[in-house]
């Protein structure tokens, strides 16, 4: 009979706990399910024909109504031909145009078991999304083995925690900054200890991550008056105010997104530094705390240098079209830098980078104290 070490038993126990939490979160009600009409039914359907007679073309955009004939593939109305509406608003980023042979998500409005109306909500993308997610999980597990299994579980745990806890609490009026701090602390604990194991290395990475996120949140609060950015600078933020959530503080929500957006990179930096210190301590058991701290500092300098650029590329990637528009119009750089959307990404990049820079030395200090166990550490203690 195979016997597991104490560390392996701790890892398996944590794996079981996080898996149980994922199951619990999956079935946890958000409190907003009742906002979906009880007589609405969502079905996957094949588009058999379209009618563009009421679609008007104005240059690049279309307005009007496209009539879409669809056949549900499952459910009580499978095999029936239903005519669904597809309203075009003249916005390329929101409008969708269907063609025969495509697969659509259709929402049916029912009354007494009969279809009153149907709306072609969007193209069906769940199949491709599920395939990519499955391939990602298989490749990760094939490469990393048990660590890959833990990484996939941490990915699922993070997604469920954000959707089932962070979003409902924020919609319910809980302070966004406090919510993000609490959720981030929980998800970082799950990810760091699940992937890194229940050991001193993971503790050092977790402490460094918490410190980096705390610095990011404090700096975002301190610089918010100077940036003077409207809370509605993020897409769909203003829409919340017109859907029954006028009580939300969009300014605090924007600051919370800065902390949340930087937390992943901060966690990466902390784990890189802690993992490198653990390797040094394993190969040189005699190393002292100060020497191990200096080793972590040197690794942290390199990691932070590339990770700050990663943040810049990530945020600029989301605003590339905006940058192209302003350059095409010959807008001066000083005007571009003060535009709300561009200034928001600058705030994201710079404030998040401060968290990265702070997380590295904090992790190095924590790792030096926790991971040095040899004679060098004993001499320093004396």
Protein backbone atom coordinates (compact mmCIF):
# COMPACT_ATOMS: atom_id res chain seq x y z
CA UNK A 1 0.00 0.00 0.00
CA UNK A 2 1.41 3.34 -1.04
CA UNK A 3 1.98 5.82 1.76
CA UNK A 4 2.01 9.56 1.17
CA UNK A 5 4.30 12.01 2.91
CA UNK A 6 2.89 14.69 5.18
CA UNK A 7 3.32 17.33 2.46
CA UNK A 8 1.57 15.16 -0.13
CA UNK A 9 -1.33 14.55 2.25
CA UNK A 10 -1.67 18.28 2.84
CA UNK A 11 -1.71 18.93 -0.91
CA UNK A 12 -4.35 16.24 -1.50
CA UNK A 13 -6.48 17.60 1.34
CA UNK A 14 -6.30 21.11 -0.09
CA UNK A 15 -7.10 19.74 -3.54
CA UNK A 16 -10.23 18.09 -2.15
CA UNK A 17 -11.24 21.25 -0.26
CA UNK A 18 -10.89 23.49 -3.33
CA UNK A 19 -12.76 20.95 -5.47
CA UNK A 20 -15.58 20.93 -2.90
CA UNK A 21 -15.61 24.73 -2.88
CA UNK A 22 -15.90 24.74 -6.67
CA UNK A 23 -18.90 22.43 -6.49
CA UNK A 24 -20.46 24.62 -3.81
CA UNK A 25 -19.83 27.80 -5.78
CA UNK A 26 -21.31 26.23 -8.92
CA UNK A 27 -24.64 25.65 -7.16
CA UNK A 28 -24.50 28.87 -5.12
CA UNK A 29 -27.33 31.22 -6.17
CA UNK A 30 -26.26 34.76 -6.98
CA UNK A 31 -29.64 36.26 -6.08
CA UNK A 32 -30.12 37.66 -9.57
CA UNK A 33 -31.50 34.55 -11.25
CA UNK A 34 -35.06 35.80 -10.78
CA UNK A 35 -34.36 38.77 -13.05
CA UNK A 36 -34.61 36.38 -16.00
CA UNK A 37 -38.30 35.98 -16.92
CA UNK A 38 -39.67 32.63 -15.84
CA UNK A 39 -41.35 32.16 -19.21
CA UNK A 40 -38.11 32.59 -21.20
CA UNK A 41 -36.39 29.59 -22.77
CA UNK A 42 -32.90 29.60 -24.28
CA UNK A 43 -32.24 27.10 -27.06
CA UNK A 44 -29.53 26.22 -29.54
CA UNK A 45 -30.89 26.44 -33.09
CA UNK A 46 -29.76 26.14 -36.69
CA UNK A 47 -30.40 29.10 -39.01
CA UNK A 48 -32.27 27.86 -42.08
CA UNK A 49 -33.14 31.16 -43.80
CA UNK A 50 -32.89 34.93 -43.31
CA UNK A 51 -34.98 37.86 -44.51
CA UNK A 52 -33.06 41.14 -44.94
CA UNK A 53 -35.95 43.11 -46.46
CA UNK A 54 -36.13 45.39 -43.41
CA UNK A 55 -32.38 45.91 -43.09
CA UNK A 56 -31.07 49.33 -44.15
CA UNK A 57 -27.42 49.81 -45.07
CA UNK A 58 -25.72 53.14 -44.23
CA UNK A 59 -22.10 52.91 -45.32
CA UNK A 60 -20.47 50.33 -43.06
CA UNK A 61 -23.32 49.90 -40.60
CA UNK A 62 -26.70 48.26 -40.80
CA UNK A 63 -29.92 49.24 -39.06
CA UNK A 64 -33.36 47.73 -38.93
CA UNK A 65 -34.56 44.20 -38.35
CA UNK A 66 -33.36 40.90 -39.74
CA UNK A 67 -35.90 38.08 -39.69
CA UNK A 68 -34.19 34.78 -38.96
CA UNK A 69 -35.81 31.37 -39.51
CA UNK A 70 -34.36 28.87 -37.05
CA UNK A 71 -34.90 25.25 -36.04
CA UNK A 72 -34.14 24.38 -32.37
CA UNK A 73 -31.82 21.39 -32.02
CA UNK A 74 -33.08 20.25 -28.61
CA UNK A 75 -35.87 20.86 -26.13
CA UNK A 76 -39.67 20.81 -26.48
CA UNK A 77 -39.60 22.74 -29.76
CA UNK A 78 -36.87 20.75 -31.49
CA UNK A 79 -37.45 20.37 -35.21
CA UNK A 80 -39.98 23.22 -35.45
CA UNK A 81 -39.29 26.22 -37.67
CA UNK A 82 -39.43 29.47 -35.70
CA UNK A 83 -39.03 33.02 -37.00
CA UNK A 84 -36.85 35.07 -34.66
CA UNK A 85 -36.07 38.79 -34.63
CA UNK A 86 -32.55 40.20 -34.87
CA UNK A 87 -32.56 43.94 -34.16
CA UNK A 88 -29.62 45.86 -35.68
CA UNK A 89 -28.65 49.04 -33.80
CA UNK A 90 -26.06 50.41 -36.22
CA UNK A 91 -23.16 49.55 -33.87
CA UNK A 92 -20.58 47.21 -35.34
CA UNK A 93 -19.30 46.07 -31.95
CA UNK A 94 -22.77 44.94 -30.85
CA UNK A 95 -24.68 43.96 -33.99
CA UNK A 96 -24.62 40.44 -35.41
CA UNK A 97 -25.83 39.30 -38.82
CA UNK A 98 -26.86 35.70 -39.40
CA UNK A 99 -26.58 33.56 -42.50
CA UNK A 100 -28.18 30.21 -43.38
CA UNK A 101 -26.29 27.24 -41.96
CA UNK A 102 -25.01 29.05 -38.87
CA UNK A 103 -25.90 28.11 -35.30
CA UNK A 104 -27.53 30.65 -33.01
CA UNK A 105 -28.57 31.11 -29.40
CA UNK A 106 -32.29 31.87 -29.52
CA UNK A 107 -34.42 33.15 -26.63
CA UNK A 108 -38.06 32.10 -26.75
CA UNK A 109 -40.78 33.99 -24.85
CA UNK A 110 -43.56 31.61 -23.83
CA UNK A 111 -47.12 32.01 -22.67
CA UNK A 112 -49.22 29.02 -21.71
CA UNK A 113 -46.69 26.76 -23.38
CA UNK A 114 -46.86 28.62 -26.69
CA UNK A 115 -44.16 30.74 -28.31
CA UNK A 116 -45.12 34.43 -28.21
CA UNK A 117 -41.90 35.84 -29.63
CA UNK A 118 -38.34 34.78 -30.41
CA UNK A 119 -35.07 36.70 -30.47
CA UNK A 120 -31.86 35.56 -32.14
CA UNK A 121 -29.62 36.50 -29.24
CA UNK A 122 -26.21 35.77 -30.75
CA UNK A 123 -24.10 33.21 -32.54
CA UNK A 124 -23.59 29.91 -30.69
CA UNK A 125 -20.02 29.89 -29.41
CA UNK A 126 -20.16 27.50 -26.48
CA UNK A 127 -18.96 24.54 -28.54
CA UNK A 128 -15.72 26.21 -29.62
CA UNK A 129 -15.19 27.71 -26.18
CA UNK A 130 -15.62 24.33 -24.53
CA UNK A 131 -13.27 22.71 -27.03
CA UNK A 132 -10.54 25.28 -26.41
CA UNK A 133 -10.98 24.99 -22.64
CA UNK A 134 -10.74 21.20 -22.85
CA UNK A 135 -7.62 21.33 -25.04
CA UNK A 136 -6.04 23.86 -22.71
CA UNK A 137 -6.69 21.59 -19.73
CA UNK A 138 -5.35 18.51 -21.55
CA UNK A 139 -2.16 20.24 -22.70
CA UNK A 140 -1.57 21.70 -19.25
CA UNK A 141 -2.08 18.35 -17.53
CA UNK A 142 0.03 16.50 -20.12
CA UNK A 143 2.91 18.90 -19.56
CA UNK A 144 2.69 19.53 -15.81
CA UNK A 145 1.04 16.35 -14.54
CA UNK A 146 -0.49 16.75 -11.09
CA UNK A 147 0.55 20.39 -11.01
CA UNK A 148 -1.43 20.86 -14.21
CA UNK A 149 -4.50 19.35 -12.54
CA UNK A 150 -4.08 21.82 -9.70
CA UNK A 151 -3.65 24.70 -12.17
CA UNK A 152 -6.86 23.78 -14.00
CA UNK A 153 -8.74 23.53 -10.70
CA UNK A 154 -7.36 26.90 -9.58
CA UNK A 155 -8.51 28.38 -12.91
CA UNK A 156 -12.04 27.08 -12.36
CA UNK A 157 -12.01 28.21 -8.72
CA UNK A 158 -10.98 31.74 -9.69
CA UNK A 159 -13.65 32.00 -12.41
CA UNK A 160 -16.40 30.78 -10.07
CA UNK A 161 -15.26 33.05 -7.24
CA UNK A 162 -15.39 36.10 -9.50
CA UNK A 163 -18.78 35.24 -11.01
CA UNK A 164 -20.53 33.86 -7.95
CA UNK A 165 -19.09 36.12 -5.24
CA UNK A 166 -17.40 39.26 -6.56
CA UNK A 167 -20.00 40.30 -9.11
CA UNK A 168 -23.12 39.67 -6.94
CA UNK A 169 -21.64 41.40 -3.89
CA UNK A 170 -20.68 44.44 -5.94
CA UNK A 171 -24.12 44.59 -7.54
CA UNK A 172 -25.62 44.28 -4.07
CA UNK A 173 -23.95 47.51 -2.98
CA UNK A 174 -20.95 46.20 -1.03
CA UNK A 175 -17.95 48.52 -1.34
CA UNK A 176 -16.08 47.43 -4.51
CA UNK A 177 -12.63 47.98 -3.04
CA UNK A 178 -13.36 45.89 0.05
CA UNK A 179 -14.99 43.21 -2.08
CA UNK A 180 -12.03 43.01 -4.46
CA UNK A 181 -9.56 42.88 -1.56
CA UNK A 182 -11.46 40.05 0.12
CA UNK A 183 -12.04 38.05 -3.05
CA UNK A 184 -8.47 38.60 -4.23
CA UNK A 185 -7.07 37.41 -0.90
CA UNK A 186 -9.21 34.26 -1.13
CA UNK A 187 -8.44 33.43 -4.75
CA UNK A 188 -4.71 34.10 -4.30
CA UNK A 189 -4.69 31.74 -1.34
CA UNK A 190 -6.42 29.07 -3.40
CA UNK A 191 -4.16 29.49 -6.41
CA UNK A 192 -0.83 29.89 -4.59
CA UNK A 193 -1.28 27.06 -2.11
CA UNK A 194 -2.97 24.76 -4.60
CA UNK A 195 -0.33 25.15 -7.31
CA UNK A 196 2.66 25.79 -5.06
CA UNK A 197 1.72 23.31 -2.35
CA UNK A 198 1.14 23.80 1.36
CA UNK A 199 4.68 24.81 2.26
CA UNK A 200 6.88 27.76 3.19
CA UNK A 201 7.48 28.67 -0.44
CA UNK A 202 3.76 29.20 -0.97
CA UNK A 203 3.48 31.17 2.28
CA UNK A 204 6.24 33.53 1.12
CA UNK A 205 4.56 33.97 -2.28
CA UNK A 206 1.19 34.60 -0.64
CA UNK A 207 2.56 37.21 1.75
CA UNK A 208 4.33 39.00 -1.10
CA UNK A 209 1.16 38.91 -3.22
CA UNK A 210 -0.95 40.37 -0.43
CA UNK A 211 1.59 43.16 0.07
CA UNK A 212 1.69 43.99 -3.63
CA UNK A 213 -2.10 44.12 -3.94
CA UNK A 214 -2.36 46.25 -0.80
CA UNK A 215 0.12 48.76 -2.24
CA UNK A 216 -1.81 48.83 -5.53
CA UNK A 217 -5.09 49.55 -3.75
CA UNK A 218 -3.62 52.26 -1.53
CA UNK A 219 -1.89 53.95 -4.47
CA UNK A 220 -5.04 53.84 -6.60
CA UNK A 221 -6.96 55.57 -3.82
CA UNK A 222 -4.21 58.16 -3.37
CA UNK A 223 -3.93 59.03 -7.07
CA UNK A 224 -7.65 58.94 -7.90
CA UNK A 225 -8.25 62.68 -7.25
CA UNK A 226 -5.32 63.65 -9.46
CA UNK A 227 -6.45 61.52 -12.40
CA UNK A 228 -10.03 62.86 -12.06
CA UNK A 229 -11.38 60.00 -14.15
CA UNK A 230 -15.12 59.37 -14.43
CA UNK A 231 -16.20 56.00 -13.15
CA UNK A 232 -18.03 55.33 -16.41
CA UNK A 233 -14.74 55.22 -18.34
CA UNK A 234 -14.96 51.43 -18.58
CA UNK A 235 -17.26 49.78 -21.18
CA UNK A 236 -20.82 49.07 -19.98
CA UNK A 237 -20.22 50.88 -16.67
CA UNK A 238 -22.78 53.57 -17.48
CA UNK A 239 -25.26 50.92 -18.60
CA UNK A 240 -25.42 49.66 -15.00
CA UNK A 241 -26.96 52.95 -13.90
CA UNK A 242 -29.88 52.49 -16.29
CA UNK A 243 -30.62 48.88 -15.36
CA UNK A 244 -31.72 49.46 -11.77
CA UNK A 245 -28.29 49.90 -10.14
CA UNK A 246 -28.03 53.68 -9.82
CA UNK A 247 -26.70 53.22 -6.27
CA UNK A 248 -23.38 51.86 -7.52
CA UNK A 249 -20.25 53.96 -7.07
CA UNK A 250 -18.63 53.73 -10.50
CA UNK A 251 -15.54 55.60 -9.32
CA UNK A 252 -14.80 53.00 -6.64
CA UNK A 253 -15.55 50.25 -9.16
CA UNK A 254 -12.92 51.64 -11.52
CA UNK A 255 -10.32 51.74 -8.74
CA UNK A 256 -11.24 48.18 -7.80
CA UNK A 257 -10.63 47.03 -11.38
CA UNK A 258 -7.07 48.40 -11.17
CA UNK A 259 -6.37 46.21 -8.14
CA UNK A 260 -8.07 43.18 -9.64
CA UNK A 261 -6.33 43.56 -13.00
CA UNK A 262 -2.88 43.76 -11.43
CA UNK A 263 -3.38 40.93 -8.93
CA UNK A 264 -2.62 38.16 -11.43
CA UNK A 265 0.71 39.63 -12.49
CA UNK A 266 1.58 40.39 -8.86
CA UNK A 267 0.91 36.77 -7.94
CA UNK A 268 3.13 35.60 -10.81
CA UNK A 269 6.02 37.78 -9.66
CA UNK A 270 5.68 36.62 -6.06
CA UNK A 271 5.61 32.94 -7.04
CA UNK A 272 8.61 33.35 -9.37
CA UNK A 273 10.69 34.93 -6.63
CA UNK A 274 9.61 32.44 -3.96
CA UNK A 275 10.19 29.45 -6.26
CA UNK A 276 13.69 30.64 -7.13
CA UNK A 277 14.52 31.11 -3.45
CA UNK A 278 13.21 27.64 -2.65
CA UNK A 279 15.49 26.15 -5.32
CA UNK A 280 18.50 28.06 -4.00
CA UNK A 281 17.74 26.94 -0.45
CA UNK A 282 17.30 23.32 -1.58
CA UNK A 283 20.67 23.22 -3.39
CA UNK A 284 22.52 25.27 -0.75
CA UNK A 285 21.05 24.29 2.63
CA UNK A 286 23.75 26.24 4.42
CA UNK A 287 22.68 29.59 2.96
CA UNK A 288 21.68 32.26 5.46
CA UNK A 289 18.64 34.48 5.54
CA UNK A 290 20.35 37.63 4.27
CA UNK A 291 22.04 35.78 1.42
CA UNK A 292 18.73 34.19 0.43
CA UNK A 293 17.03 37.58 0.58
CA UNK A 294 19.68 39.05 -1.73
CA UNK A 295 19.18 36.14 -4.12
CA UNK A 296 15.44 36.86 -4.17
CA UNK A 297 16.07 40.55 -4.76
CA UNK A 298 18.24 39.77 -7.79
CA UNK A 299 15.64 37.46 -9.30
CA UNK A 300 12.90 39.97 -8.55
CA UNK A 301 14.67 42.73 -10.48
CA UNK A 302 14.68 40.64 -13.65
CA UNK A 303 11.11 39.41 -13.25
CA UNK A 304 9.69 42.86 -12.52
CA UNK A 305 11.49 44.35 -15.52
CA UNK A 306 9.63 42.08 -17.95
CA UNK A 307 6.32 41.88 -16.07
CA UNK A 308 5.83 45.65 -16.10
CA UNK A 309 6.08 45.54 -19.89
CA UNK A 310 3.57 42.68 -19.88
CA UNK A 311 1.04 44.92 -18.13
CA UNK A 312 1.67 47.67 -20.66
CA UNK A 313 1.13 45.32 -23.60
CA UNK A 314 -2.00 43.83 -22.03
CA UNK A 315 -3.67 47.18 -21.46
CA UNK A 316 -2.55 48.67 -24.79
CA UNK A 317 -3.86 45.60 -26.60
CA UNK A 318 -7.34 46.46 -25.41
CA UNK A 319 -7.03 50.07 -26.61
CA UNK A 320 -5.21 49.54 -29.91
CA UNK A 321 -8.19 50.64 -32.01
CA UNK A 322 -8.52 53.84 -29.98
CA UNK A 323 -4.83 54.63 -30.42
CA UNK A 324 -5.11 54.05 -34.17
CA UNK A 325 -8.15 56.37 -34.40
CA UNK A 326 -6.48 59.28 -32.62
CA UNK A 327 -3.26 58.90 -34.63
CA UNK A 328 -5.22 58.74 -37.89
CA UNK A 329 -6.84 62.05 -36.95
CA UNK A 330 -3.50 63.67 -36.14
CA UNK A 331 -4.34 64.25 -32.48
CA UNK A 332 -1.25 65.50 -30.53
CA UNK A 333 0.25 63.10 -28.00
CA UNK A 334 -0.46 65.45 -25.10
CA UNK A 335 -4.16 65.37 -26.01
CA UNK A 336 -4.09 61.59 -26.28
CA UNK A 337 -2.51 61.14 -22.84
CA UNK A 338 -5.22 63.23 -21.20
CA UNK A 339 -8.16 61.46 -22.87
CA UNK A 340 -10.19 59.61 -20.21
CA UNK A 341 -9.91 56.16 -21.81
CA UNK A 342 -6.16 56.50 -22.41
CA UNK A 343 -5.55 58.02 -18.97
CA UNK A 344 -7.43 55.09 -17.44
CA UNK A 345 -5.08 52.60 -19.10
CA UNK A 346 -2.08 54.67 -18.01
CA UNK A 347 -3.38 54.55 -14.44
CA UNK A 348 -3.87 50.79 -14.74
CA UNK A 349 -0.34 50.27 -16.01
CA UNK A 350 1.54 52.59 -13.65
CA UNK A 351 -0.37 51.83 -10.45
CA UNK A 352 -0.28 48.10 -11.19
CA UNK A 353 3.46 48.29 -11.83
CA UNK A 354 3.99 49.77 -8.38
CA UNK A 355 2.32 46.68 -6.96
CA UNK A 356 4.67 44.48 -8.99
CA UNK A 357 7.76 46.34 -7.84
CA UNK A 358 6.61 46.08 -4.22
CA UNK A 359 5.64 42.41 -4.37
CA UNK A 360 9.13 41.29 -5.46
CA UNK A 361 11.13 42.62 -2.46
CA UNK A 362 8.34 41.72 -0.02
CA UNK A 363 8.39 38.14 -1.29
CA UNK A 364 12.20 38.07 -1.18
CA UNK A 365 12.15 39.22 2.45
CA UNK A 366 9.46 36.71 3.41
CA UNK A 367 11.24 33.94 1.53
CA UNK A 368 14.55 34.73 3.22
CA UNK A 369 12.94 34.41 6.64
CA UNK A 370 10.90 31.31 5.88
CA UNK A 371 13.08 29.26 3.54
CA UNK A 372 16.58 29.60 5.04
CA UNK A 373 17.03 26.66 7.40
CA UNK A 374 20.77 25.90 7.28
CA UNK A 375 23.80 26.71 9.38
CA UNK A 376 24.07 30.12 7.81
CA UNK A 377 20.66 31.03 9.17
CA UNK A 378 21.66 29.69 12.58
CA UNK A 379 24.80 31.82 12.61
CA UNK A 380 22.79 34.91 11.70
CA UNK A 381 20.31 34.14 14.47
CA UNK A 382 23.17 33.93 17.00
